[in-house]
N, C-alpha and C. Protein backbone atom coordinates (compact mmCIF):
# COMPACT_ATOMS: atom_id res chain seq x y z
N MET A 1 65.70 -40.06 -35.26
CA MET A 1 64.60 -40.99 -35.16
C MET A 1 64.45 -41.54 -33.73
N THR A 2 65.56 -41.93 -33.10
CA THR A 2 65.48 -42.47 -31.74
C THR A 2 65.03 -41.40 -30.75
N GLU A 3 65.35 -40.13 -31.05
CA GLU A 3 64.89 -39.04 -30.19
C GLU A 3 63.37 -38.96 -30.22
N LYS A 4 62.79 -39.08 -31.41
CA LYS A 4 61.33 -39.03 -31.54
C LYS A 4 60.67 -40.21 -30.84
N ILE A 5 61.27 -41.38 -30.94
CA ILE A 5 60.71 -42.55 -30.28
C ILE A 5 60.79 -42.38 -28.76
N GLY A 6 61.90 -41.84 -28.28
CA GLY A 6 62.05 -41.58 -26.85
C GLY A 6 61.02 -40.58 -26.35
N THR A 7 60.77 -39.55 -27.14
CA THR A 7 59.76 -38.55 -26.78
C THR A 7 58.38 -39.19 -26.74
N LEU A 8 58.09 -40.04 -27.69
CA LEU A 8 56.80 -40.72 -27.72
C LEU A 8 56.64 -41.64 -26.51
N ILE A 9 57.66 -42.39 -26.20
CA ILE A 9 57.60 -43.28 -25.03
C ILE A 9 57.44 -42.45 -23.76
N GLY A 10 58.11 -41.31 -23.70
CA GLY A 10 57.94 -40.40 -22.57
C GLY A 10 56.51 -39.88 -22.47
N GLY A 11 55.90 -39.54 -23.61
CA GLY A 11 54.51 -39.09 -23.63
C GLY A 11 53.56 -40.17 -23.16
N ILE A 12 53.81 -41.38 -23.60
CA ILE A 12 52.97 -42.51 -23.17
C ILE A 12 53.12 -42.73 -21.67
N ALA A 13 54.35 -42.72 -21.17
CA ALA A 13 54.60 -42.90 -19.73
C ALA A 13 53.95 -41.77 -18.93
N PHE A 14 54.05 -40.54 -19.45
CA PHE A 14 53.45 -39.38 -18.78
C PHE A 14 51.95 -39.56 -18.65
N PHE A 15 51.29 -39.96 -19.74
CA PHE A 15 49.84 -40.17 -19.69
C PHE A 15 49.49 -41.32 -18.76
N PHE A 16 50.24 -42.40 -18.84
CA PHE A 16 49.97 -43.58 -18.03
C PHE A 16 50.06 -43.24 -16.54
N VAL A 17 51.17 -42.66 -16.14
CA VAL A 17 51.38 -42.29 -14.74
C VAL A 17 50.45 -41.14 -14.35
N GLY A 18 50.31 -40.17 -15.23
CA GLY A 18 49.45 -39.02 -14.95
C GLY A 18 48.01 -39.40 -14.67
N MET A 19 47.49 -40.33 -15.44
CA MET A 19 46.10 -40.77 -15.22
C MET A 19 45.95 -41.43 -13.86
N ILE A 20 46.93 -42.23 -13.46
CA ILE A 20 46.87 -42.89 -12.15
C ILE A 20 46.95 -41.85 -11.03
N VAL A 21 47.85 -40.90 -11.17
CA VAL A 21 48.01 -39.86 -10.14
C VAL A 21 46.73 -39.02 -10.03
N VAL A 22 46.18 -38.61 -11.16
CA VAL A 22 44.95 -37.80 -11.14
C VAL A 22 43.82 -38.59 -10.47
N PHE A 23 43.70 -39.86 -10.80
CA PHE A 23 42.67 -40.68 -10.17
C PHE A 23 42.87 -40.73 -8.66
N LEU A 24 44.10 -40.98 -8.22
CA LEU A 24 44.37 -41.08 -6.78
C LEU A 24 44.10 -39.76 -6.06
N ILE A 25 44.41 -38.65 -6.71
CA ILE A 25 44.17 -37.33 -6.10
C ILE A 25 42.68 -37.07 -5.93
N PHE A 26 41.89 -37.40 -6.94
CA PHE A 26 40.46 -37.07 -6.94
C PHE A 26 39.55 -38.25 -6.59
N LYS A 27 40.12 -39.38 -6.23
CA LYS A 27 39.34 -40.60 -5.98
C LYS A 27 38.16 -40.37 -5.04
N ASN A 28 38.38 -39.63 -3.96
CA ASN A 28 37.32 -39.42 -2.97
C ASN A 28 36.24 -38.44 -3.44
N GLN A 29 36.49 -37.76 -4.54
CA GLN A 29 35.51 -36.81 -5.07
C GLN A 29 34.79 -37.36 -6.30
N ILE A 30 35.13 -38.56 -6.70
CA ILE A 30 34.54 -39.19 -7.88
C ILE A 30 33.43 -40.13 -7.43
N ASN A 31 32.35 -40.17 -8.19
CA ASN A 31 31.24 -41.06 -7.92
C ASN A 31 31.61 -42.46 -8.40
N LEU A 32 32.36 -43.20 -7.58
CA LEU A 32 32.86 -44.52 -7.97
C LEU A 32 31.73 -45.51 -8.21
N SER A 33 30.68 -45.45 -7.39
CA SER A 33 29.55 -46.36 -7.61
C SER A 33 28.82 -45.99 -8.90
N GLY A 34 28.83 -44.69 -9.24
CA GLY A 34 28.23 -44.25 -10.51
C GLY A 34 28.99 -44.79 -11.71
N ILE A 35 30.30 -44.89 -11.59
CA ILE A 35 31.10 -45.47 -12.67
C ILE A 35 30.74 -46.94 -12.84
N LYS A 36 30.66 -47.64 -11.73
CA LYS A 36 30.31 -49.06 -11.77
C LYS A 36 28.92 -49.26 -12.39
N GLU A 37 27.96 -48.47 -11.94
CA GLU A 37 26.60 -48.57 -12.48
C GLU A 37 26.56 -48.23 -13.96
N SER A 38 27.30 -47.19 -14.35
CA SER A 38 27.35 -46.77 -15.74
C SER A 38 27.94 -47.87 -16.62
N LEU A 39 28.99 -48.50 -16.15
CA LEU A 39 29.60 -49.58 -16.94
C LEU A 39 28.61 -50.72 -17.16
N GLY A 40 27.84 -51.05 -16.13
CA GLY A 40 26.90 -52.15 -16.24
C GLY A 40 25.64 -51.79 -17.02
N ALA A 41 25.00 -50.71 -16.64
CA ALA A 41 23.71 -50.35 -17.24
C ALA A 41 23.85 -49.65 -18.58
N LYS A 42 24.63 -48.59 -18.62
CA LYS A 42 24.74 -47.78 -19.83
C LYS A 42 25.62 -48.41 -20.89
N GLU A 43 26.73 -48.98 -20.47
CA GLU A 43 27.69 -49.54 -21.43
C GLU A 43 27.48 -51.03 -21.70
N GLY A 44 26.62 -51.68 -20.90
CA GLY A 44 26.35 -53.10 -21.11
C GLY A 44 27.54 -53.99 -20.77
N PHE A 45 28.34 -53.55 -19.85
CA PHE A 45 29.55 -54.26 -19.46
C PHE A 45 29.18 -55.44 -18.57
N THR A 46 29.71 -56.63 -18.88
CA THR A 46 29.49 -57.83 -18.07
C THR A 46 30.80 -58.55 -17.87
N ARG A 47 30.77 -59.52 -16.99
CA ARG A 47 31.95 -60.36 -16.76
C ARG A 47 32.36 -61.06 -18.05
N GLU A 48 31.38 -61.44 -18.85
CA GLU A 48 31.64 -62.19 -20.08
C GLU A 48 32.23 -61.33 -21.20
N ASN A 49 31.82 -60.08 -21.28
CA ASN A 49 32.27 -59.25 -22.41
C ASN A 49 33.33 -58.23 -22.06
N CYS A 50 33.79 -58.21 -20.81
CA CYS A 50 34.70 -57.15 -20.38
C CYS A 50 35.99 -57.10 -21.19
N LEU A 51 36.60 -58.23 -21.47
CA LEU A 51 37.85 -58.20 -22.24
C LEU A 51 37.62 -57.68 -23.65
N TYR A 52 36.53 -58.09 -24.27
CA TYR A 52 36.22 -57.63 -25.63
C TYR A 52 35.90 -56.14 -25.64
N ALA A 53 35.09 -55.72 -24.68
CA ALA A 53 34.70 -54.30 -24.63
C ALA A 53 35.92 -53.41 -24.41
N PHE A 54 36.76 -53.76 -23.46
CA PHE A 54 37.90 -52.92 -23.18
C PHE A 54 38.96 -53.00 -24.28
N ALA A 55 39.11 -54.16 -24.91
CA ALA A 55 40.02 -54.24 -26.05
C ALA A 55 39.53 -53.34 -27.17
N TYR A 56 38.22 -53.31 -27.39
CA TYR A 56 37.66 -52.42 -28.41
C TYR A 56 37.94 -50.96 -28.06
N ILE A 57 37.69 -50.59 -26.81
CA ILE A 57 37.90 -49.20 -26.39
C ILE A 57 39.37 -48.81 -26.55
N ILE A 58 40.26 -49.68 -26.10
CA ILE A 58 41.70 -49.37 -26.14
C ILE A 58 42.22 -49.33 -27.57
N ILE A 59 41.86 -50.30 -28.38
CA ILE A 59 42.43 -50.40 -29.72
C ILE A 59 41.62 -49.63 -30.76
N CYS A 60 40.35 -49.95 -30.87
CA CYS A 60 39.53 -49.39 -31.97
C CYS A 60 39.01 -48.00 -31.67
N ASN A 61 38.34 -47.85 -30.52
CA ASN A 61 37.71 -46.56 -30.24
C ASN A 61 38.74 -45.44 -30.16
N SER A 62 39.87 -45.70 -29.52
CA SER A 62 40.89 -44.65 -29.43
C SER A 62 41.40 -44.29 -30.83
N PHE A 63 41.53 -45.29 -31.70
CA PHE A 63 41.96 -45.01 -33.07
C PHE A 63 40.91 -44.17 -33.81
N PHE A 64 39.63 -44.55 -33.69
CA PHE A 64 38.57 -43.79 -34.38
C PHE A 64 38.50 -42.36 -33.87
N GLU A 65 38.64 -42.18 -32.55
CA GLU A 65 38.63 -40.82 -32.00
C GLU A 65 39.81 -40.01 -32.54
N GLU A 66 40.98 -40.61 -32.58
CA GLU A 66 42.14 -39.88 -33.10
C GLU A 66 41.98 -39.58 -34.59
N ALA A 67 41.48 -40.54 -35.34
CA ALA A 67 41.28 -40.32 -36.78
C ALA A 67 40.31 -39.16 -37.01
N PHE A 68 39.26 -39.09 -36.20
CA PHE A 68 38.27 -38.02 -36.37
C PHE A 68 38.75 -36.70 -35.80
N PHE A 69 39.13 -36.70 -34.51
CA PHE A 69 39.44 -35.44 -33.81
C PHE A 69 40.81 -34.86 -34.15
N ARG A 70 41.78 -35.68 -34.50
CA ARG A 70 43.09 -35.17 -34.86
C ARG A 70 43.38 -35.28 -36.35
N GLY A 71 42.66 -36.13 -37.04
CA GLY A 71 42.89 -36.31 -38.47
C GLY A 71 41.90 -35.54 -39.32
N PHE A 72 40.64 -35.93 -39.27
CA PHE A 72 39.62 -35.38 -40.15
C PHE A 72 39.19 -33.96 -39.77
N LEU A 73 38.74 -33.78 -38.55
CA LEU A 73 38.12 -32.51 -38.13
C LEU A 73 39.01 -31.27 -38.32
N PRO A 74 40.28 -31.29 -37.87
CA PRO A 74 41.10 -30.09 -38.05
C PRO A 74 41.33 -29.71 -39.52
N ARG A 75 41.25 -30.68 -40.40
CA ARG A 75 41.47 -30.40 -41.83
C ARG A 75 40.29 -29.69 -42.48
N LEU A 76 39.18 -29.59 -41.78
CA LEU A 76 38.03 -28.85 -42.30
C LEU A 76 38.25 -27.35 -42.24
N PHE A 77 39.26 -26.93 -41.50
CA PHE A 77 39.55 -25.51 -41.31
C PHE A 77 40.71 -25.09 -42.19
N THR A 78 40.61 -23.89 -42.74
CA THR A 78 41.69 -23.41 -43.60
C THR A 78 42.91 -22.98 -42.79
N LYS A 79 42.68 -22.57 -41.55
CA LYS A 79 43.80 -22.20 -40.67
C LYS A 79 43.97 -23.28 -39.61
N LYS A 80 45.22 -23.58 -39.29
CA LYS A 80 45.53 -24.70 -38.41
C LYS A 80 44.97 -24.55 -36.99
N TRP A 81 45.27 -23.44 -36.32
CA TRP A 81 44.91 -23.32 -34.91
C TRP A 81 43.42 -23.31 -34.63
N PRO A 82 42.59 -22.63 -35.43
CA PRO A 82 41.15 -22.74 -35.16
C PRO A 82 40.65 -24.19 -35.25
N GLY A 83 41.19 -24.95 -36.19
CA GLY A 83 40.82 -26.36 -36.30
C GLY A 83 41.24 -27.16 -35.09
N PHE A 84 42.44 -26.88 -34.59
CA PHE A 84 42.94 -27.58 -33.41
C PHE A 84 42.06 -27.26 -32.19
N ILE A 85 41.72 -25.99 -32.03
CA ILE A 85 40.95 -25.56 -30.86
C ILE A 85 39.53 -26.10 -30.90
N VAL A 86 38.87 -25.98 -32.05
CA VAL A 86 37.51 -26.51 -32.18
C VAL A 86 37.51 -28.02 -31.94
N SER A 87 38.48 -28.70 -32.53
CA SER A 87 38.59 -30.14 -32.35
C SER A 87 38.79 -30.50 -30.88
N ALA A 88 39.62 -29.75 -30.18
CA ALA A 88 39.88 -30.01 -28.76
C ALA A 88 38.61 -29.85 -27.92
N PHE A 89 37.85 -28.79 -28.19
CA PHE A 89 36.61 -28.57 -27.43
C PHE A 89 35.56 -29.64 -27.76
N LEU A 90 35.48 -30.04 -29.01
CA LEU A 90 34.52 -31.08 -29.38
C LEU A 90 34.93 -32.44 -28.81
N PHE A 91 36.22 -32.71 -28.77
CA PHE A 91 36.73 -33.93 -28.15
C PHE A 91 36.31 -33.99 -26.68
N SER A 92 36.49 -32.88 -26.00
CA SER A 92 36.12 -32.79 -24.60
C SER A 92 34.61 -32.95 -24.42
N ALA A 93 33.83 -32.26 -25.23
CA ALA A 93 32.37 -32.34 -25.14
C ALA A 93 31.87 -33.76 -25.41
N TYR A 94 32.49 -34.44 -26.35
CA TYR A 94 32.13 -35.82 -26.67
C TYR A 94 32.26 -36.71 -25.44
N HIS A 95 33.29 -36.48 -24.65
CA HIS A 95 33.53 -37.32 -23.49
C HIS A 95 32.60 -37.02 -22.31
N ILE A 96 31.95 -35.86 -22.31
CA ILE A 96 31.00 -35.54 -21.24
C ILE A 96 29.88 -36.58 -21.22
N GLY A 97 29.48 -37.04 -22.40
CA GLY A 97 28.44 -38.07 -22.47
C GLY A 97 28.86 -39.37 -21.82
N ILE A 98 30.13 -39.61 -21.75
CA ILE A 98 30.64 -40.84 -21.14
C ILE A 98 30.76 -40.68 -19.63
N PHE A 99 31.34 -39.57 -19.17
CA PHE A 99 31.64 -39.45 -17.74
C PHE A 99 30.91 -38.32 -17.04
N GLY A 100 29.90 -37.76 -17.66
CA GLY A 100 29.22 -36.60 -17.10
C GLY A 100 28.59 -36.82 -15.74
N THR A 101 28.20 -38.05 -15.42
CA THR A 101 27.55 -38.32 -14.14
C THR A 101 28.52 -38.79 -13.06
N TRP A 102 29.79 -38.89 -13.38
CA TRP A 102 30.76 -39.42 -12.44
C TRP A 102 31.32 -38.37 -11.50
N PHE A 103 31.13 -37.09 -11.82
CA PHE A 103 31.77 -36.02 -11.08
C PHE A 103 30.76 -34.96 -10.65
N SER A 104 31.13 -34.20 -9.61
CA SER A 104 30.38 -33.01 -9.26
C SER A 104 30.62 -31.98 -10.38
N ILE A 105 29.81 -30.95 -10.43
CA ILE A 105 29.96 -29.93 -11.48
C ILE A 105 31.35 -29.29 -11.46
N PRO A 106 31.87 -28.89 -10.31
CA PRO A 106 33.23 -28.29 -10.32
C PRO A 106 34.29 -29.27 -10.84
N LEU A 107 34.21 -30.52 -10.40
CA LEU A 107 35.19 -31.50 -10.85
C LEU A 107 34.98 -31.84 -12.33
N LEU A 108 33.74 -31.82 -12.78
CA LEU A 108 33.46 -32.03 -14.21
C LEU A 108 34.12 -30.92 -15.04
N MET A 109 34.07 -29.70 -14.55
CA MET A 109 34.70 -28.59 -15.27
C MET A 109 36.22 -28.77 -15.32
N VAL A 110 36.80 -29.28 -14.24
CA VAL A 110 38.24 -29.58 -14.23
C VAL A 110 38.54 -30.66 -15.25
N ALA A 111 37.71 -31.72 -15.28
CA ALA A 111 37.91 -32.82 -16.23
C ALA A 111 37.78 -32.34 -17.67
N VAL A 112 36.79 -31.51 -17.95
CA VAL A 112 36.59 -30.99 -19.30
C VAL A 112 37.78 -30.12 -19.71
N THR A 113 38.23 -29.26 -18.82
CA THR A 113 39.40 -28.42 -19.11
C THR A 113 40.64 -29.29 -19.35
N GLY A 114 40.81 -30.30 -18.51
CA GLY A 114 41.93 -31.22 -18.69
C GLY A 114 41.87 -31.93 -20.04
N LEU A 115 40.67 -32.33 -20.44
CA LEU A 115 40.54 -33.00 -21.75
C LEU A 115 40.84 -32.06 -22.91
N VAL A 116 40.48 -30.79 -22.78
CA VAL A 116 40.84 -29.83 -23.83
C VAL A 116 42.36 -29.75 -23.96
N LEU A 117 43.04 -29.67 -22.82
CA LEU A 117 44.50 -29.60 -22.84
C LEU A 117 45.11 -30.90 -23.37
N VAL A 118 44.55 -32.02 -22.98
CA VAL A 118 45.02 -33.31 -23.50
C VAL A 118 44.83 -33.37 -25.01
N ALA A 119 43.68 -32.91 -25.49
CA ALA A 119 43.41 -32.92 -26.93
C ALA A 119 44.40 -32.04 -27.68
N LEU A 120 44.73 -30.89 -27.13
CA LEU A 120 45.74 -30.03 -27.77
C LEU A 120 47.11 -30.70 -27.78
N PHE A 121 47.44 -31.38 -26.69
CA PHE A 121 48.70 -32.12 -26.64
C PHE A 121 48.71 -33.25 -27.67
N LEU A 122 47.60 -33.95 -27.80
CA LEU A 122 47.51 -35.01 -28.81
C LEU A 122 47.63 -34.44 -30.22
N GLN A 123 47.09 -33.24 -30.42
CA GLN A 123 47.22 -32.60 -31.72
C GLN A 123 48.68 -32.24 -31.99
N TRP A 124 49.37 -31.79 -30.95
CA TRP A 124 50.80 -31.49 -31.10
C TRP A 124 51.57 -32.75 -31.46
N ILE A 125 51.26 -33.84 -30.79
CA ILE A 125 51.92 -35.12 -31.11
C ILE A 125 51.67 -35.48 -32.56
N ASN A 126 50.42 -35.32 -33.00
CA ASN A 126 50.08 -35.64 -34.38
C ASN A 126 50.88 -34.79 -35.36
N ALA A 127 51.00 -33.51 -35.07
CA ALA A 127 51.75 -32.61 -35.95
C ALA A 127 53.26 -32.91 -35.88
N HIS A 128 53.75 -33.22 -34.70
CA HIS A 128 55.17 -33.48 -34.50
C HIS A 128 55.62 -34.76 -35.21
N TYR A 129 54.84 -35.81 -35.09
CA TYR A 129 55.21 -37.10 -35.66
C TYR A 129 54.68 -37.31 -37.07
N LYS A 130 53.73 -36.45 -37.46
CA LYS A 130 53.14 -36.50 -38.80
C LYS A 130 52.50 -37.87 -39.10
N THR A 131 51.98 -38.47 -38.06
CA THR A 131 51.24 -39.72 -38.21
C THR A 131 50.25 -39.85 -37.05
N ILE A 132 49.11 -40.36 -37.36
CA ILE A 132 48.08 -40.55 -36.33
C ILE A 132 48.44 -41.69 -35.38
N VAL A 133 49.35 -42.54 -35.80
CA VAL A 133 49.73 -43.69 -34.97
C VAL A 133 50.33 -43.23 -33.65
N ALA A 134 51.11 -42.18 -33.66
CA ALA A 134 51.77 -41.70 -32.44
C ALA A 134 50.73 -41.27 -31.40
N ASN A 135 49.81 -40.40 -31.78
CA ASN A 135 48.83 -39.95 -30.80
C ASN A 135 47.84 -41.05 -30.45
N TRP A 136 47.62 -41.97 -31.38
CA TRP A 136 46.76 -43.12 -31.08
C TRP A 136 47.39 -43.96 -29.96
N LEU A 137 48.70 -44.17 -29.99
CA LEU A 137 49.37 -44.95 -28.95
C LEU A 137 49.27 -44.25 -27.59
N VAL A 138 49.42 -42.93 -27.58
CA VAL A 138 49.29 -42.18 -26.33
C VAL A 138 47.86 -42.28 -25.81
N HIS A 139 46.89 -42.08 -26.70
CA HIS A 139 45.48 -42.16 -26.33
C HIS A 139 45.15 -43.56 -25.80
N ALA A 140 45.62 -44.58 -26.49
CA ALA A 140 45.36 -45.97 -26.07
C ALA A 140 45.95 -46.23 -24.69
N SER A 141 47.12 -45.67 -24.40
CA SER A 141 47.72 -45.88 -23.08
C SER A 141 46.86 -45.25 -21.98
N ALA A 142 46.29 -44.10 -22.25
CA ALA A 142 45.38 -43.48 -21.27
C ALA A 142 44.15 -44.35 -21.08
N ASN A 143 43.64 -44.92 -22.17
CA ASN A 143 42.46 -45.80 -22.07
C ASN A 143 42.77 -47.08 -21.30
N ILE A 144 44.01 -47.55 -21.38
CA ILE A 144 44.38 -48.74 -20.60
C ILE A 144 44.22 -48.45 -19.11
N VAL A 145 44.69 -47.28 -18.68
CA VAL A 145 44.57 -46.92 -17.27
C VAL A 145 43.11 -46.75 -16.88
N ILE A 146 42.37 -46.01 -17.68
CA ILE A 146 40.96 -45.76 -17.38
C ILE A 146 40.19 -47.08 -17.32
N ASN A 147 40.42 -47.95 -18.29
CA ASN A 147 39.72 -49.23 -18.32
C ASN A 147 40.14 -50.12 -17.15
N SER A 148 41.40 -50.07 -16.78
CA SER A 148 41.86 -50.86 -15.63
C SER A 148 41.16 -50.41 -14.36
N ILE A 149 41.05 -49.11 -14.18
CA ILE A 149 40.32 -48.58 -13.02
C ILE A 149 38.86 -49.03 -13.08
N GLY A 150 38.27 -48.97 -14.27
CA GLY A 150 36.89 -49.41 -14.44
C GLY A 150 36.69 -50.87 -14.08
N VAL A 151 37.60 -51.73 -14.50
CA VAL A 151 37.52 -53.16 -14.18
C VAL A 151 37.63 -53.36 -12.67
N LEU A 152 38.58 -52.67 -12.05
CA LEU A 152 38.76 -52.80 -10.61
C LEU A 152 37.52 -52.35 -9.85
N LEU A 153 36.87 -51.31 -10.32
CA LEU A 153 35.63 -50.84 -9.69
C LEU A 153 34.48 -51.81 -9.95
N PHE A 154 34.34 -52.23 -11.19
CA PHE A 154 33.22 -53.07 -11.59
C PHE A 154 33.21 -54.39 -10.84
N PHE A 155 34.39 -54.95 -10.63
CA PHE A 155 34.48 -56.24 -9.94
C PHE A 155 34.77 -56.09 -8.45
N ASP A 156 34.53 -54.88 -7.91
CA ASP A 156 34.66 -54.60 -6.48
C ASP A 156 36.04 -54.88 -5.91
N ILE A 157 37.07 -54.73 -6.73
CA ILE A 157 38.43 -54.90 -6.26
C ILE A 157 38.95 -53.58 -5.70
N LEU A 158 38.49 -52.48 -6.28
CA LEU A 158 38.87 -51.14 -5.85
C LEU A 158 37.63 -50.47 -5.29
N LYS A 159 37.76 -49.91 -4.11
CA LYS A 159 36.60 -49.25 -3.49
C LYS A 159 36.98 -47.90 -2.98
């Protein structure tokens, strides 16, 4: 049991640090002002609702995504791997609507490919731990980093 918890904590740390490293590597190629504009105009993000919005994204939205993409959707397939693969591609496609304008086309393709791999890893976590809670915690940790970067951009702390 402690081995599984250690592996989960390692996965969370990997995603947490990995997201920061990826951001720092590609920071100069990302449309940072587009992220800020998107948060304000498209997402309705304000100084007043930022804590509520990000708490929802971290806690609720990540859970709903995991319940759908790792719980419900793969079970529609009679064979395991086709369900995992279709779910991973749909997970990635779903996120294009969120960040599609933040990147150049080549970098968008890298992000989409990365999300497919992340989705497959989250599916492995789900199968390994046999509970959606494990992959939900990993997903939520990634959202903490993404939302933190968003807050720093939105309030002009990070440029």
